[in-house]
Amino acid sequence: MKSVLSSTVFLIALLGGTAYAATQYNDPGNNPQYKQCIDWASKRYEGGDDKSPVAGQSKVQAFCTCMWNETPDDFKGNLIVFSEGEKGASVNKTCEKHADWGT
């Protein structure tokens, strides 16, 4: 689902380089997990259609692109369930920051 670069990108994002990391994310395209995340995040967060710090992406697109890229390569589950669980909590926080949701 993602490249080997994903681990490096996550580390850079944790160190405050989310603008750099955003340019390195793979495009999820029409991936069903990504589309499900878009639907969920659009309902959960206000301002999802607002511009994100990522050129050409709304906040909801930036959040879900981050979530899709930051899950393990063999992840087959639901990004929403993952983001709300113990393992996904830190990724969720990182992606909220990446999308510029001040939560």
C-alpha atoms as a PDB file:
ATOM      1  CA  MET A   1       0.000   0.000   0.000  1.00  0.00           C
ATOM      2  CA  LYS A   2       2.821   2.379   0.768  1.00  0.00           C
ATOM      3  CA  SER A   3       6.488   2.672   0.034  1.00  0.00           C
ATOM      4  CA  VAL A   4       9.429   1.988   2.290  1.00  0.00           C
ATOM      5  CA  LEU A   5       9.717   5.767   2.514  1.00  0.00           C
ATOM      6  CA  SER A   6       6.674   5.854   4.805  1.00  0.00           C
ATOM      7  CA  SER A   7       8.665   5.115   7.983  1.00  0.00           C
ATOM      8  CA  THR A   8      11.118   7.893   7.215  1.00  0.00           C
ATOM      9  CA  VAL A   9       8.297  10.296   6.421  1.00  0.00           C
ATOM     10  CA  PHE A  10       6.605   9.499   9.732  1.00  0.00           C
ATOM     11  CA  LEU A  11       9.807  10.191  11.635  1.00  0.00           C
ATOM     12  CA  ILE A  12      10.242  13.508   9.826  1.00  0.00           C
ATOM     13  CA  ALA A  13       6.628  14.399  10.606  1.00  0.00           C
ATOM     14  CA  LEU A  14       7.181  13.658  14.286  1.00  0.00           C
ATOM     15  CA  LEU A  15      10.175  15.959  14.268  1.00  0.00           C
ATOM     16  CA  GLY A  16       8.055  18.818  12.963  1.00  0.00           C
ATOM     17  CA  GLY A  17       8.643  18.435   9.257  1.00  0.00           C
ATOM     18  CA  THR A  18       5.039  17.794   8.250  1.00  0.00           C
ATOM     19  CA  ALA A  19       5.224  20.208   5.318  1.00  0.00           C
ATOM     20  CA  TYR A  20       8.126  18.205   3.924  1.00  0.00           C
ATOM     21  CA  ALA A  21       6.459  14.903   4.723  1.00  0.00           C
ATOM     22  CA  ALA A  22       3.296  15.896   2.903  1.00  0.00           C
ATOM     23  CA  THR A  23       5.165  16.156  -0.365  1.00  0.00           C
ATOM     24  CA  GLN A  24       6.475  12.613   0.094  1.00  0.00           C
ATOM     25  CA  TYR A  25       3.174  10.795   0.732  1.00  0.00           C
ATOM     26  CA  ASN A  26       1.871   8.359  -1.830  1.00  0.00           C
ATOM     27  CA  ASP A  27      -1.475   9.273  -3.366  1.00  0.00           C
ATOM     28  CA  PRO A  28      -4.124   6.801  -2.151  1.00  0.00           C
ATOM     29  CA  GLY A  29      -6.191   7.411  -5.288  1.00  0.00           C
ATOM     30  CA  ASN A  30      -9.546   5.641  -5.085  1.00  0.00           C
ATOM     31  CA  ASN A  31      -8.520   3.252  -2.337  1.00  0.00           C
ATOM     32  CA  PRO A  32     -11.652   2.124  -0.423  1.00  0.00           C
ATOM     33  CA  GLN A  33      -9.974   2.677   2.976  1.00  0.00           C
ATOM     34  CA  TYR A  34      -9.108   6.232   1.979  1.00  0.00           C
ATOM     35  CA  LYS A  35     -12.614   6.961   0.667  1.00  0.00           C
ATOM     36  CA  GLN A  36     -14.135   5.577   3.865  1.00  0.00           C
ATOM     37  CA  CYS A  37     -11.807   7.827   5.870  1.00  0.00           C
ATOM     38  CA  ILE A  38     -12.872  10.875   3.821  1.00  0.00           C
ATOM     39  CA  ASP A  39     -16.548  10.179   4.597  1.00  0.00           C
ATOM     40  CA  TRP A  40     -15.864   9.665   8.301  1.00  0.00           C
ATOM     41  CA  ALA A  41     -13.531  12.626   8.763  1.00  0.00           C
ATOM     42  CA  SER A  42     -15.940  14.911   6.898  1.00  0.00           C
ATOM     43  CA  LYS A  43     -18.550  14.141   9.553  1.00  0.00           C
ATOM     44  CA  ARG A  44     -16.208  14.176  12.558  1.00  0.00           C
ATOM     45  CA  TYR A  45     -14.271  17.384  11.946  1.00  0.00           C
ATOM     46  CA  GLU A  46     -15.450  20.886  11.182  1.00  0.00           C
ATOM     47  CA  GLY A  47     -13.836  22.735   8.312  1.00  0.00           C
ATOM     48  CA  GLY A  48     -12.842  19.642   6.358  1.00  0.00           C
ATOM     49  CA  ASP A  49     -13.146  21.474   3.056  1.00  0.00           C
ATOM     50  CA  ASP A  50     -10.831  24.269   4.235  1.00  0.00           C
ATOM     51  CA  LYS A  51      -7.338  24.434   2.760  1.00  0.00           C
ATOM     52  CA  SER A  52      -4.687  22.414   4.533  1.00  0.00           C
ATOM     53  CA  PRO A  53      -0.971  23.220   4.622  1.00  0.00           C
ATOM     54  CA  VAL A  54      -0.608  20.624   1.839  1.00  0.00           C
ATOM     55  CA  ALA A  55      -0.868  22.240  -1.581  1.00  0.00           C
ATOM     56  CA  GLY A  56      -3.983  21.129  -3.416  1.00  0.00           C
ATOM     57  CA  GLN A  57      -5.547  19.267  -0.486  1.00  0.00           C
ATOM     58  CA  SER A  58      -8.370  20.109   1.860  1.00  0.00           C
ATOM     59  CA  LYS A  59      -7.921  19.356   5.539  1.00  0.00           C
ATOM     60  CA  VAL A  60      -9.923  16.148   5.260  1.00  0.00           C
ATOM     61  CA  GLN A  61      -7.859  14.991   2.262  1.00  0.00           C
ATOM     62  CA  ALA A  62      -4.591  15.763   4.056  1.00  0.00           C
ATOM     63  CA  PHE A  63      -5.755  13.945   7.183  1.00  0.00           C
ATOM     64  CA  CYS A  64      -6.842  10.808   5.325  1.00  0.00           C
ATOM     65  CA  THR A  65      -3.788  10.768   3.066  1.00  0.00           C
ATOM     66  CA  CYS A  66      -1.662  10.886   6.205  1.00  0.00           C
ATOM     67  CA  MET A  67      -3.700   8.136   7.901  1.00  0.00           C
ATOM     68  CA  TRP A  68      -3.513   5.930   4.816  1.00  0.00           C
ATOM     69  CA  ASN A  69       0.238   6.393   4.479  1.00  0.00           C
ATOM     70  CA  GLU A  70       1.048   6.027   8.176  1.00  0.00           C
ATOM     71  CA  THR A  71      -0.652   2.685   8.746  1.00  0.00           C
ATOM     72  CA  PRO A  72       1.449  -0.470   8.420  1.00  0.00           C
ATOM     73  CA  ASP A  73       2.032  -1.646   4.844  1.00  0.00           C
ATOM     74  CA  ASP A  74       0.021  -4.812   5.378  1.00  0.00           C
ATOM     75  CA  PHE A  75      -2.899  -3.000   7.049  1.00  0.00           C
ATOM     76  CA  LYS A  76      -6.202  -4.277   5.683  1.00  0.00           C
ATOM     77  CA  GLY A  77      -8.618  -2.907   8.271  1.00  0.00           C
ATOM     78  CA  ASN A  78     -10.657   0.193   8.799  1.00  0.00           C
ATOM     79  CA  LEU A  79      -8.650   3.436   9.140  1.00  0.00           C
ATOM     80  CA  ILE A  80     -11.331   4.908  11.404  1.00  0.00           C
ATOM     81  CA  VAL A  81     -11.251   1.989  13.829  1.00  0.00           C
ATOM     82  CA  PHE A  82      -7.452   2.094  13.747  1.00  0.00           C
ATOM     83  CA  SER A  83      -7.337   5.851  14.429  1.00  0.00           C
ATOM     84  CA  GLU A  84      -9.612   5.511  17.447  1.00  0.00           C
ATOM     85  CA  GLY A  85      -7.712   2.583  18.962  1.00  0.00           C
ATOM     86  CA  GLU A  86      -4.675   2.514  21.195  1.00  0.00           C
ATOM     87  CA  LYS A  87      -2.203   1.790  18.376  1.00  0.00           C
ATOM     88  CA  GLY A  88      -3.648   4.458  16.097  1.00  0.00           C
ATOM     89  CA  ALA A  89      -3.956   7.276  18.639  1.00  0.00           C
ATOM     90  CA  SER A  90      -0.501   8.719  17.990  1.00  0.00           C
ATOM     91  CA  VAL A  91      -0.920   8.426  14.223  1.00  0.00           C
ATOM     92  CA  ASN A  92      -4.297  10.152  14.547  1.00  0.00           C
ATOM     93  CA  LYS A  93      -2.693  13.047  16.448  1.00  0.00           C
ATOM     94  CA  THR A  94       0.089  13.327  13.875  1.00  0.00           C
ATOM     95  CA  CYS A  95      -2.421  13.398  11.029  1.00  0.00           C
ATOM     96  CA  GLU A  96      -4.600  15.987  12.792  1.00  0.00           C
ATOM     97  CA  LYS A  97      -1.524  18.218  13.008  1.00  0.00           C
ATOM     98  CA  HIS A  98      -0.608  17.404   9.413  1.00  0.00           C
ATOM     99  CA  ALA A  99      -4.054  18.579   8.288  1.00  0.00           C
ATOM    100  CA  ASP A 100      -3.835  21.662  10.532  1.00  0.00           C
ATOM    101  CA  TRP A 101      -6.788  20.719  12.691  1.00  0.00           C
ATOM    102  CA  GLY A 102      -6.001  22.413  15.979  1.00  0.00           C
ATOM    103  CA  THR A 103      -7.273  19.559  18.117  1.00  0.00           C
END
